[in-house]
């Protein structure tokens, strides 16, 4: 199948038409990303050397980096590189290392004041750490992604008619996604068997893929398929509410939005949908917080009926703030002040607390500098062994609870999990050398996937759409662990990508063979 890949630079495209990346806009976006990262490093280095006493001056660097990152992300999406992981890393790093650093400096989390007291200079060390890492990641990614990146219209036998291809594929993706979303309710809250949980995680990846394709194909498919796909969206959001996982809700909506972004590149639409997702996050954040604090909440053992009861209590409490709502806090049962929680100022602070990574980063930097280095990267090789081969493989996410207990100096806090960010974990383990190595390797991985994504948009590597959304989130979620969050997930993405490539190649071969045999038969007749 052949299709001309247009490089038209118009902002608005009719839904259902996929265009290649506008190379001029993509180069400008790359320039913005590099300049923003370099400026962040220069200002962070200046603040580290000058050590100013003004908190406003110290927080100016991450604030500027945050704004620059948002602008860069919008430019990248507008260029057509919606699926490029480097674009999502730019967004994630600007939120966590920019907005998160500002929130940390403003002490939106009361516990940070207990750790650092009147010290604000730890923020300069954190900023320098993040700025060095971001520049290394971005530079490495662009260096790798420029190799063989499409820079002109592709018109060869390898180019597919994206619309026809994904219309044929969509029902199969939809069927797998239905199995996945239904299984979440069957094994709720999580599968007890680790092997089953590992296998189901692979099936769950098709849920956002289905929603992404729905956004891309909306005008090209009939209402029966639309209705089935929308039911998956509703069920995924419902499961997210019952699981009290706000990211599951946001991810489901974001996958659909990404699909629309693939075919319409209006700057106003991109900004508006980003703002809408931010509002949704702010609205559901207190709901999730109350649900997780409920006396009956247990992440691993609650039944669906129990969670429905908890969710009902939460909504009743929100509708009537005068109601008594008891929660467990520091081992004691206390009454939640719902009126104070619903104030705009508290809602803003709650969002800030969620993205505050400066506190844990500053803590880990101090740990390494005081001779208490971590060892969470020593078992990196475990990520290369599939659980199906090694069923008793250690749970690579277990350091999350251990770090939470260590940070709060309370063994009871091990039931909750905390992530250090990849840059802070690298420093905590191996100091500056660890940051350089991890950042360059992460940048190389992002660059390779970005190059693959550009080819996918051009119609050359359609199998990338299977992992497009997980790869975007993988790149965006910088508040993560190096082994479990980045290395382990990258291996899974590559394996799935290679399997999809094999399946797509076999399907195309069979199709071409069948078509060839039909032509021969017609000629004989």
Protein backbone atom coordinates (compact mmCIF):
# COMPACT_ATOMS: atom_id res chain seq x y z
CA UNK A 1 0.00 0.00 0.00
CA UNK A 2 1.27 3.46 -0.87
CA UNK A 3 0.30 6.81 0.50
CA UNK A 4 1.77 10.24 0.06
CA UNK A 5 2.98 11.65 3.37
CA UNK A 6 2.30 15.37 3.40
CA UNK A 7 4.51 17.89 5.16
CA UNK A 8 1.84 20.58 5.03
CA UNK A 9 2.45 22.96 7.93
CA UNK A 10 -1.16 23.97 8.49
CA UNK A 11 -2.24 23.89 12.12
CA UNK A 12 -5.61 22.25 11.54
CA UNK A 13 -6.10 18.93 9.81
CA UNK A 14 -9.36 17.00 9.41
CA UNK A 15 -9.69 14.13 11.86
CA UNK A 16 -8.67 10.83 10.31
CA UNK A 17 -5.73 12.22 8.33
CA UNK A 18 -2.24 11.56 9.68
CA UNK A 19 0.57 13.77 8.47
CA UNK A 20 4.31 13.50 8.83
CA UNK A 21 6.31 15.65 11.22
CA UNK A 22 6.86 19.23 10.06
CA UNK A 23 10.65 19.22 10.08
CA UNK A 24 11.01 23.01 10.29
CA UNK A 25 8.83 23.18 13.39
CA UNK A 26 10.50 20.09 14.85
CA UNK A 27 13.94 21.70 14.52
CA UNK A 28 12.68 24.87 16.21
CA UNK A 29 11.23 22.78 19.05
CA UNK A 30 14.53 20.93 19.45
CA UNK A 31 16.33 24.27 19.61
CA UNK A 32 13.91 25.47 22.31
CA UNK A 33 14.47 22.29 24.34
CA UNK A 34 18.25 22.61 24.23
CA UNK A 35 18.21 26.32 25.00
CA UNK A 36 15.78 25.83 27.90
CA UNK A 37 17.94 23.03 29.35
CA UNK A 38 21.15 25.05 28.90
CA UNK A 39 19.59 28.12 30.50
CA UNK A 40 18.45 25.96 33.41
CA UNK A 41 21.99 24.69 33.90
CA UNK A 42 23.56 28.16 33.68
CA UNK A 43 21.16 29.67 36.22
CA UNK A 44 21.41 26.63 38.50
CA UNK A 45 25.21 26.81 38.44
CA UNK A 46 25.14 30.54 39.17
CA UNK A 47 22.80 30.04 42.12
CA UNK A 48 24.95 27.19 43.45
CA UNK A 49 28.08 29.35 43.33
CA UNK A 50 26.52 32.59 44.61
CA UNK A 51 24.35 30.89 47.29
CA UNK A 52 21.81 33.74 47.57
CA UNK A 53 19.76 34.19 50.74
CA UNK A 54 16.59 35.03 48.80
CA UNK A 55 14.17 32.16 48.26
CA UNK A 56 12.51 34.07 45.42
CA UNK A 57 15.80 34.27 43.54
CA UNK A 58 16.50 30.57 44.09
CA UNK A 59 13.06 29.55 42.85
CA UNK A 60 13.27 31.72 39.75
CA UNK A 61 15.39 29.11 37.90
CA UNK A 62 12.92 26.20 38.14
CA UNK A 63 9.99 28.56 37.48
CA UNK A 64 11.54 29.73 34.20
CA UNK A 65 12.45 26.13 33.30
CA UNK A 66 8.84 25.05 33.93
CA UNK A 67 7.41 27.74 31.62
CA UNK A 68 10.02 27.05 28.96
CA UNK A 69 9.31 23.31 29.14
CA UNK A 70 5.57 23.79 28.61
CA UNK A 71 6.19 26.03 25.59
CA UNK A 72 8.65 23.50 24.16
CA UNK A 73 6.21 20.62 24.60
CA UNK A 74 3.43 22.50 22.81
CA UNK A 75 5.82 23.30 19.94
CA UNK A 76 6.83 19.63 19.67
CA UNK A 77 3.23 18.43 19.58
CA UNK A 78 2.30 21.13 17.08
CA UNK A 79 5.13 19.98 14.82
CA UNK A 80 3.44 16.57 14.60
CA UNK A 81 5.83 14.72 16.93
CA UNK A 82 3.02 13.78 19.32
CA UNK A 83 4.41 10.30 19.89
CA UNK A 84 8.04 11.34 20.41
CA UNK A 85 9.16 10.24 23.91
CA UNK A 86 11.64 13.13 24.13
CA UNK A 87 8.68 15.53 23.95
CA UNK A 88 7.10 13.81 26.93
CA UNK A 89 10.37 13.84 28.85
CA UNK A 90 10.49 17.61 28.30
CA UNK A 91 6.98 17.88 29.74
CA UNK A 92 7.67 15.56 32.69
CA UNK A 93 10.98 17.16 33.63
CA UNK A 94 9.48 20.65 33.46
CA UNK A 95 6.64 19.62 35.79
CA UNK A 96 8.67 17.68 38.36
CA UNK A 97 12.02 19.53 38.19
CA UNK A 98 10.40 22.93 37.56
CA UNK A 99 7.00 23.15 39.25
CA UNK A 100 7.97 20.45 41.76
CA UNK A 101 11.09 22.34 42.81
CA UNK A 102 9.08 25.54 43.33
CA UNK A 103 6.57 23.61 45.45
CA UNK A 104 9.40 22.10 47.49
CA UNK A 105 10.97 25.52 48.07
CA UNK A 106 7.65 26.90 49.27
CA UNK A 107 7.49 24.02 51.79
CA UNK A 108 4.03 22.87 50.70
CA UNK A 109 4.84 19.60 52.46
CA UNK A 110 5.17 20.28 56.22
CA UNK A 111 7.63 17.42 56.72
CA UNK A 112 10.27 19.11 54.54
CA UNK A 113 10.55 21.88 57.13
CA UNK A 114 11.39 19.27 59.77
CA UNK A 115 14.20 17.87 57.62
CA UNK A 116 15.81 21.04 56.32
CA UNK A 117 14.77 23.62 58.93
CA UNK A 118 15.85 27.10 57.82
CA UNK A 119 18.20 25.76 55.16
CA UNK A 120 17.22 26.78 51.63
CA UNK A 121 20.57 26.23 49.94
CA UNK A 122 19.82 22.51 49.55
CA UNK A 123 17.56 23.71 46.72
CA UNK A 124 20.57 24.99 44.79
CA UNK A 125 22.18 21.55 44.96
CA UNK A 126 18.96 19.92 43.77
CA UNK A 127 18.62 22.36 40.87
CA UNK A 128 22.21 21.81 39.75
CA UNK A 129 21.67 18.03 39.89
CA UNK A 130 18.52 18.20 37.76
CA UNK A 131 19.84 20.80 35.33
CA UNK A 132 22.96 18.75 34.54
CA UNK A 133 20.88 15.63 34.06
CA UNK A 134 18.23 17.24 31.84
CA UNK A 135 20.81 18.77 29.49
CA UNK A 136 22.62 15.43 29.17
CA UNK A 137 19.36 13.58 28.49
CA UNK A 138 18.07 16.08 25.93
CA UNK A 139 21.40 16.39 24.11
CA UNK A 140 21.88 12.60 23.96
CA UNK A 141 18.32 12.04 22.78
CA UNK A 142 18.55 14.56 19.96
CA UNK A 143 21.93 13.22 18.89
CA UNK A 144 20.51 9.70 18.55
CA UNK A 145 17.12 10.71 17.13
CA UNK A 146 18.70 12.75 14.31
CA UNK A 147 20.20 9.59 12.81
CA UNK A 148 18.02 8.48 9.92
CA UNK A 149 15.16 10.73 11.04
CA UNK A 150 12.76 11.37 8.13
CA UNK A 151 13.55 14.81 6.66
CA UNK A 152 11.52 14.65 3.48
CA UNK A 153 8.26 13.11 2.25
CA UNK A 154 8.43 9.34 2.29
CA UNK A 155 7.01 7.69 -0.85
CA UNK A 156 8.07 4.09 -0.98
CA UNK A 157 6.60 0.63 -0.77
CA UNK A 158 7.22 0.66 2.99
CA UNK A 159 4.77 3.52 3.56
CA UNK A 160 1.32 2.43 4.66
CA UNK A 161 -2.10 3.99 4.31
CA UNK A 162 -2.42 4.73 8.04
CA UNK A 163 -6.15 5.29 7.99
CA UNK A 164 -7.00 2.00 6.23
CA UNK A 165 -4.40 0.03 8.17
CA UNK A 166 -5.57 1.05 11.63
CA UNK A 167 -9.24 0.77 10.69
CA UNK A 168 -8.53 -2.90 9.95
CA UNK A 169 -6.47 -3.33 13.12
CA UNK A 170 -8.76 -1.41 15.49
CA UNK A 171 -11.35 -4.17 16.19
CA UNK A 172 -8.60 -6.56 17.32
CA UNK A 173 -6.99 -3.94 19.59
CA UNK A 174 -10.47 -3.16 20.91
CA UNK A 175 -11.14 -6.82 21.75
CA UNK A 176 -7.88 -7.16 23.71
CA UNK A 177 -8.59 -3.86 25.51
CA UNK A 178 -12.04 -5.11 26.55
CA UNK A 179 -10.45 -8.25 28.01
CA UNK A 180 -7.94 -6.08 29.85
CA UNK A 181 -10.38 -3.60 31.35
CA UNK A 182 -12.78 -6.36 32.44
CA UNK A 183 -9.97 -8.38 34.02
CA UNK A 184 -9.16 -5.40 36.25
CA UNK A 185 -12.51 -5.83 37.94
CA UNK A 186 -12.17 -9.63 38.09
CA UNK A 187 -8.79 -9.59 39.91
CA UNK A 188 -9.56 -6.38 41.82
CA UNK A 189 -7.63 -4.71 43.37
CA UNK A 190 -4.59 -6.59 41.98
CA UNK A 191 -3.78 -10.15 40.97
CA UNK A 192 -2.25 -12.03 43.92
CA UNK A 193 -0.12 -14.25 41.71
CA UNK A 194 2.94 -12.27 40.59
CA UNK A 195 3.25 -14.15 37.29
CA UNK A 196 -0.41 -13.50 36.46
CA UNK A 197 0.04 -9.86 37.45
CA UNK A 198 3.04 -9.58 35.12
CA UNK A 199 1.11 -11.08 32.19
CA UNK A 200 -1.96 -8.90 32.82
CA UNK A 201 0.22 -5.79 32.83
CA UNK A 202 1.08 -6.54 29.20
CA UNK A 203 -2.61 -6.87 28.31
CA UNK A 204 -3.40 -3.60 30.12
CA UNK A 205 -1.07 -1.79 27.69
CA UNK A 206 -3.69 -2.27 24.97
CA UNK A 207 -6.25 -0.17 26.87
CA UNK A 208 -4.56 3.21 26.22
CA UNK A 209 -3.55 2.01 22.74
CA UNK A 210 -7.22 1.44 21.98
CA UNK A 211 -8.15 4.91 23.28
CA UNK A 212 -5.31 6.53 21.31
CA UNK A 213 -6.51 4.89 18.09
CA UNK A 214 -10.08 5.93 18.94
CA UNK A 215 -9.02 9.58 18.99
CA UNK A 216 -7.12 9.17 15.74
CA UNK A 217 -9.89 7.26 13.90
CA UNK A 218 -12.97 8.92 15.40
CA UNK A 219 -14.44 10.13 12.12
CA UNK A 220 -13.44 7.01 10.24
CA UNK A 221 -15.22 4.35 12.32
CA UNK A 222 -18.89 3.67 12.95
CA UNK A 223 -20.84 4.35 16.14
CA UNK A 224 -20.84 0.71 17.33
CA UNK A 225 -17.03 0.71 17.53
CA UNK A 226 -17.03 4.21 19.03
CA UNK A 227 -19.51 3.16 21.70
CA UNK A 228 -17.49 0.06 22.64
CA UNK A 229 -14.28 2.08 22.84
CA UNK A 230 -15.95 4.81 24.90
CA UNK A 231 -17.24 2.14 27.29
CA UNK A 232 -13.61 1.14 27.84
CA UNK A 233 -12.84 4.77 28.72
CA UNK A 234 -15.71 4.86 31.21
CA UNK A 235 -14.74 1.53 32.79
CA UNK A 236 -11.09 2.58 33.04
CA UNK A 237 -12.07 5.82 34.79
CA UNK A 238 -14.42 3.91 37.12
CA UNK A 239 -11.70 1.41 37.97
CA UNK A 240 -9.32 4.31 38.63
CA UNK A 241 -11.82 5.83 41.07
CA UNK A 242 -12.34 2.51 42.87
CA UNK A 243 -8.59 1.88 42.95
CA UNK A 244 -8.09 5.50 44.12
CA UNK A 245 -5.42 5.95 41.46
CA UNK A 246 -5.67 9.40 39.89
CA UNK A 247 -3.05 8.64 37.26
CA UNK A 248 -5.16 5.82 35.81
CA UNK A 249 -7.97 8.31 35.26
CA UNK A 250 -5.70 10.96 33.76
CA UNK A 251 -3.89 8.41 31.57
CA UNK A 252 -7.16 7.13 30.08
CA UNK A 253 -8.23 10.66 29.15
CA UNK A 254 -4.73 11.58 27.95
CA UNK A 255 -4.56 8.58 25.62
CA UNK A 256 -7.73 9.74 23.87
CA UNK A 257 -6.41 13.31 23.69
CA UNK A 258 -3.11 12.11 22.22
CA UNK A 259 -5.00 10.32 19.48
CA UNK A 260 -6.74 13.56 18.54
CA UNK A 261 -3.43 15.47 18.70
CA UNK A 262 -2.03 13.10 16.07
CA UNK A 263 -4.48 14.40 13.49
CA UNK A 264 -5.15 17.97 14.60
CA UNK A 265 -2.27 20.25 15.57
CA UNK A 266 -4.06 23.43 16.60
CA UNK A 267 -2.01 25.24 19.27
CA UNK A 268 -5.19 26.47 21.00
CA UNK A 269 -6.59 22.95 21.15
CA UNK A 270 -3.34 21.54 22.58
CA UNK A 271 -3.16 24.21 25.29
CA UNK A 272 -6.87 23.89 26.10
CA UNK A 273 -6.76 20.12 26.50
CA UNK A 274 -3.61 20.32 28.65
CA UNK A 275 -5.37 22.86 30.86
CA UNK A 276 -8.44 20.62 31.05
CA UNK A 277 -6.35 17.65 32.17
CA UNK A 278 -4.75 19.87 34.81
CA UNK A 279 -8.19 20.87 36.10
CA UNK A 280 -9.33 17.24 36.21
CA UNK A 281 -6.20 16.34 38.18
CA UNK A 282 -6.86 19.15 40.68
CA UNK A 283 -10.50 18.09 41.09
CA UNK A 284 -9.91 14.37 41.65
CA UNK A 285 -6.78 14.82 43.79
CA UNK A 286 -8.68 15.44 47.07
CA UNK A 287 -11.09 12.59 46.27
CA UNK A 288 -8.20 10.16 45.89
CA UNK A 289 -6.50 11.54 49.02
CA UNK A 290 -9.62 11.04 51.13
CA UNK A 291 -10.20 7.56 49.74
CA UNK A 292 -6.68 6.40 50.53
CA UNK A 293 -6.93 7.88 54.03
CA UNK A 294 -10.26 6.13 54.77
CA UNK A 295 -10.12 3.78 57.77
CA UNK A 296 -11.34 0.84 55.67
CA UNK A 297 -8.89 1.37 52.81
CA UNK A 298 -6.36 -1.39 52.13
CA UNK A 299 -4.48 -1.31 48.85
CA UNK A 300 -4.14 -5.10 48.52
CA UNK A 301 -7.15 -6.72 50.16
CA UNK A 302 -10.22 -4.50 49.69
CA UNK A 303 -13.08 -6.05 47.75
CA UNK A 304 -15.06 -4.16 45.13
CA UNK A 305 -17.94 -3.81 47.59
CA UNK A 306 -15.63 -2.28 50.20
CA UNK A 307 -14.20 0.20 47.72
CA UNK A 308 -17.68 1.20 46.52
CA UNK A 309 -18.59 1.90 50.15
CA UNK A 310 -15.42 3.98 50.62
CA UNK A 311 -16.10 5.93 47.42
CA UNK A 312 -19.66 6.61 48.57
CA UNK A 313 -18.35 7.92 51.92
CA UNK A 314 -15.93 10.21 50.10
CA UNK A 315 -18.61 11.73 47.85
CA UNK A 316 -20.98 12.19 50.79
CA UNK A 317 -18.22 13.93 52.73
CA UNK A 318 -17.49 16.25 49.80
CA UNK A 319 -21.16 17.18 49.40
CA UNK A 320 -21.53 17.80 53.14
CA UNK A 321 -18.29 19.13 54.70
CA UNK A 322 -19.92 19.20 58.14
CA UNK A 323 -20.00 15.40 58.20
CA UNK A 324 -17.40 13.64 60.37
CA UNK A 325 -14.73 11.94 58.28
CA UNK A 326 -12.17 9.96 60.26
CA UNK A 327 -8.77 9.03 58.84
CA UNK A 328 -5.62 7.28 60.05
CA UNK A 329 -2.70 9.69 60.47
CA UNK A 330 0.64 8.80 62.05
CA UNK A 331 -0.90 5.74 63.70
CA UNK A 332 -3.76 7.73 65.25
CA UNK A 333 -7.40 8.18 64.23
CA UNK A 334 -8.12 11.86 63.60
CA UNK A 335 -10.95 13.91 62.12
CA UNK A 336 -10.31 15.40 58.67
CA UNK A 337 -11.10 19.10 58.32
CA UNK A 338 -13.05 18.90 55.08
CA UNK A 339 -13.89 22.62 54.93
CA UNK A 340 -10.22 23.55 55.04
CA UNK A 341 -9.39 20.83 52.51
CA UNK A 342 -11.88 22.21 49.98
CA UNK A 343 -10.47 25.74 50.05
CA UNK A 344 -8.75 26.84 46.84
CA UNK A 345 -5.46 27.51 48.64
CA UNK A 346 -5.39 24.01 50.10
CA UNK A 347 -6.27 22.44 46.74
CA UNK A 348 -3.35 24.27 45.11
CA UNK A 349 -1.01 23.19 47.92
CA UNK A 350 -2.22 19.60 47.58
CA UNK A 351 -1.27 19.59 43.90
CA UNK A 352 2.07 21.12 44.83
CA UNK A 353 2.70 18.39 47.40
CA UNK A 354 2.07 15.78 44.75
CA UNK A 355 4.77 17.17 42.46
CA UNK A 356 7.23 18.21 45.16
CA UNK A 357 10.34 16.17 44.44
CA UNK A 358 12.80 18.71 45.79
CA UNK A 359 12.38 17.41 49.34
CA UNK A 360 13.24 13.78 48.64
CA UNK A 361 15.97 14.83 46.21
CA UNK A 362 17.56 17.14 48.76
CA UNK A 363 17.37 14.39 51.37
CA UNK A 364 19.11 11.85 49.12
CA UNK A 365 21.78 14.32 48.02
CA UNK A 366 22.56 14.95 51.68
CA UNK A 367 22.61 11.20 52.36
CA UNK A 368 25.28 10.62 49.70
CA UNK A 369 27.30 13.68 50.71
CA UNK A 370 27.30 12.45 54.33
CA UNK A 371 28.66 9.03 53.39
CA UNK A 372 25.37 7.11 53.36
CA UNK A 373 25.15 6.08 49.71
CA UNK A 374 22.31 3.94 48.44
CA UNK A 375 22.58 0.56 46.70
CA UNK A 376 19.29 0.40 44.78
CA UNK A 377 21.07 0.12 41.41
CA UNK A 378 23.17 -2.91 42.35
CA UNK A 379 20.50 -5.38 41.22
CA UNK A 380 19.91 -3.80 37.80
CA UNK A 381 20.53 -7.17 36.12
CA UNK A 382 17.29 -8.54 37.64
CA UNK A 383 15.30 -6.40 35.19
CA UNK A 384 16.68 -8.42 32.25
CA UNK A 385 15.16 -11.72 33.46
CA UNK A 386 11.44 -12.18 32.69
CA UNK A 387 9.28 -13.34 35.58
CA UNK A 388 7.95 -16.16 33.40
CA UNK A 389 11.50 -17.61 33.49
CA UNK A 390 12.14 -16.69 37.12
CA UNK A 391 8.75 -16.77 38.94
CA UNK A 392 10.42 -16.06 42.29
CA UNK A 393 12.17 -12.94 41.00
CA UNK A 394 12.35 -10.26 43.70
CA UNK A 395 9.83 -7.45 43.46
CA UNK A 396 11.91 -4.64 41.97
CA UNK A 397 9.52 -1.97 43.31
CA UNK A 398 10.12 -2.93 46.96
CA UNK A 399 12.63 -0.07 47.57
CA UNK A 400 9.69 2.33 47.38
CA UNK A 401 8.37 1.30 50.78
CA UNK A 402 11.84 1.10 52.25
CA UNK A 403 12.66 4.63 51.10
CA UNK A 404 9.37 5.97 52.43
CA UNK A 405 10.12 4.52 55.88
CA UNK A 406 13.68 5.86 55.73
CA UNK A 407 12.60 9.34 54.69
CA UNK A 408 9.97 9.64 57.44
CA UNK A 409 12.12 7.73 59.94
CA UNK A 410 9.11 5.56 60.72
CA UNK A 411 8.94 1.78 60.01
CA UNK A 412 5.14 2.00 59.76
CA UNK A 413 5.52 4.16 56.65
CA UNK A 414 6.83 1.17 54.66
CA UNK A 415 3.25 0.38 53.61
CA UNK A 416 3.34 3.50 51.42
CA UNK A 417 5.76 3.96 48.55
CA UNK A 418 7.99 6.82 47.46
CA UNK A 419 10.01 7.41 44.29
CA UNK A 420 13.29 9.34 44.36
CA UNK A 421 13.39 10.56 40.70
CA UNK A 422 15.93 8.90 38.44
CA UNK A 423 18.50 11.71 38.83
CA UNK A 424 18.44 11.72 42.64
CA UNK A 425 18.63 7.92 42.78
CA UNK A 426 21.64 7.94 40.43
CA UNK A 427 23.38 10.53 42.65
CA UNK A 428 22.41 8.69 45.84
CA UNK A 429 24.03 5.50 44.52
CA UNK A 430 27.12 6.67 42.64
CA UNK A 431 27.37 10.44 42.93
CA UNK A 432 28.07 12.70 39.91
CA UNK A 433 29.41 9.79 37.83
CA UNK A 434 26.14 7.92 38.33
CA UNK A 435 24.14 10.94 37.17
CA UNK A 436 26.20 11.26 33.99
CA UNK A 437 25.97 7.56 33.09
CA UNK A 438 22.25 7.19 33.84
CA UNK A 439 21.37 10.46 32.05
CA UNK A 440 23.30 9.60 28.88
CA UNK A 441 21.82 6.08 28.75
CA UNK A 442 18.32 7.43 29.33
CA UNK A 443 18.86 10.01 26.61
CA UNK A 444 20.04 7.32 24.19
CA UNK A 445 16.92 5.23 24.91
CA UNK A 446 14.68 8.26 24.43
CA UNK A 447 16.46 9.14 21.21
CA UNK A 448 16.07 5.65 19.77
CA UNK A 449 12.36 5.54 20.58
CA UNK A 450 11.90 9.09 19.27
CA UNK A 451 13.47 8.12 15.95
CA UNK A 452 11.15 5.12 15.79
CA UNK A 453 8.13 7.33 16.59
CA UNK A 454 8.98 9.79 13.79
CA UNK A 455 9.10 6.89 11.35
CA UNK A 456 5.73 5.66 12.68
CA UNK A 457 4.09 9.02 12.05
CA UNK A 458 5.59 8.96 8.54
CA UNK A 459 3.86 5.62 7.95
CA UNK A 460 6.98 3.45 7.96
CA UNK A 461 6.83 1.77 11.41
CA UNK A 462 3.13 1.39 12.30
CA UNK A 463 3.90 -1.17 15.03
CA UNK A 464 5.14 1.71 17.20
CA UNK A 465 1.53 2.75 17.81
CA UNK A 466 1.14 -0.33 20.03
CA UNK A 467 3.61 1.07 22.56
CA UNK A 468 3.21 4.78 21.75
CA UNK A 469 1.28 5.73 24.87
CA UNK A 470 3.22 3.58 27.37
CA UNK A 471 6.45 4.96 25.89
CA UNK A 472 5.21 8.54 26.32
CA UNK A 473 4.29 7.96 29.97
CA UNK A 474 7.56 6.08 30.53
CA UNK A 475 9.45 9.15 29.32
CA UNK A 476 7.26 11.65 31.17
CA UNK A 477 7.28 10.08 34.63
CA UNK A 478 10.70 11.25 35.80
CA UNK A 479 9.62 10.70 39.42
CA UNK A 480 10.64 7.09 39.11
CA UNK A 481 13.18 4.40 39.96
CA UNK A 482 15.98 3.72 37.49
CA UNK A 483 15.69 -0.08 37.46
CA UNK A 484 11.97 -0.73 37.86
CA UNK A 485 10.68 2.49 36.33
CA UNK A 486 13.08 3.07 33.47
CA UNK A 487 15.25 0.03 32.72
CA UNK A 488 12.60 -2.64 33.34
CA UNK A 489 9.89 -0.73 31.47
CA UNK A 490 12.23 0.00 28.54
CA UNK A 491 13.04 -3.70 28.14
CA UNK A 492 9.32 -4.53 28.10
CA UNK A 493 8.62 -1.79 25.55
CA UNK A 494 11.38 -3.03 23.24
CA UNK A 495 10.26 -6.67 23.48
CA UNK A 496 6.64 -5.76 22.71
CA UNK A 497 7.78 -3.50 19.88
CA UNK A 498 9.88 -6.25 18.30
CA UNK A 499 7.06 -8.79 18.64
CA UNK A 500 4.60 -6.33 17.09
CA UNK A 501 7.06 -5.69 14.28
CA UNK A 502 7.27 -9.43 13.59
CA UNK A 503 3.49 -9.85 13.64
CA UNK A 504 2.94 -6.85 11.36
CA UNK A 505 5.60 -8.12 8.93
CA UNK A 506 4.01 -11.58 8.80
CA UNK A 507 0.55 -10.08 8.27
CA UNK A 508 1.82 -7.88 5.45
CA UNK A 509 3.64 -10.83 3.87
CA UNK A 510 0.50 -12.97 3.97
CA UNK A 511 -1.54 -10.13 2.53
CA UNK A 512 0.88 -9.55 -0.31
CA UNK A 513 1.13 -13.29 -0.97
CA UNK A 514 -2.66 -13.67 -1.08
CA UNK A 515 -2.95 -10.64 -3.35
CA UNK A 516 -0.24 -12.03 -5.66
CA UNK A 517 -1.90 -15.43 -5.88
CA UNK A 518 -5.23 -13.79 -6.69
CA UNK A 519 -3.67 -11.84 -9.54
CA UNK A 520 -1.99 -14.95 -10.93
CA UNK A 521 -5.30 -16.82 -10.74
CA UNK A 522 -7.07 -14.01 -12.56
CA UNK A 523 -4.43 -13.97 -15.30
CA UNK A 524 -4.71 -17.74 -15.77
CA UNK A 525 -8.48 -17.51 -16.03
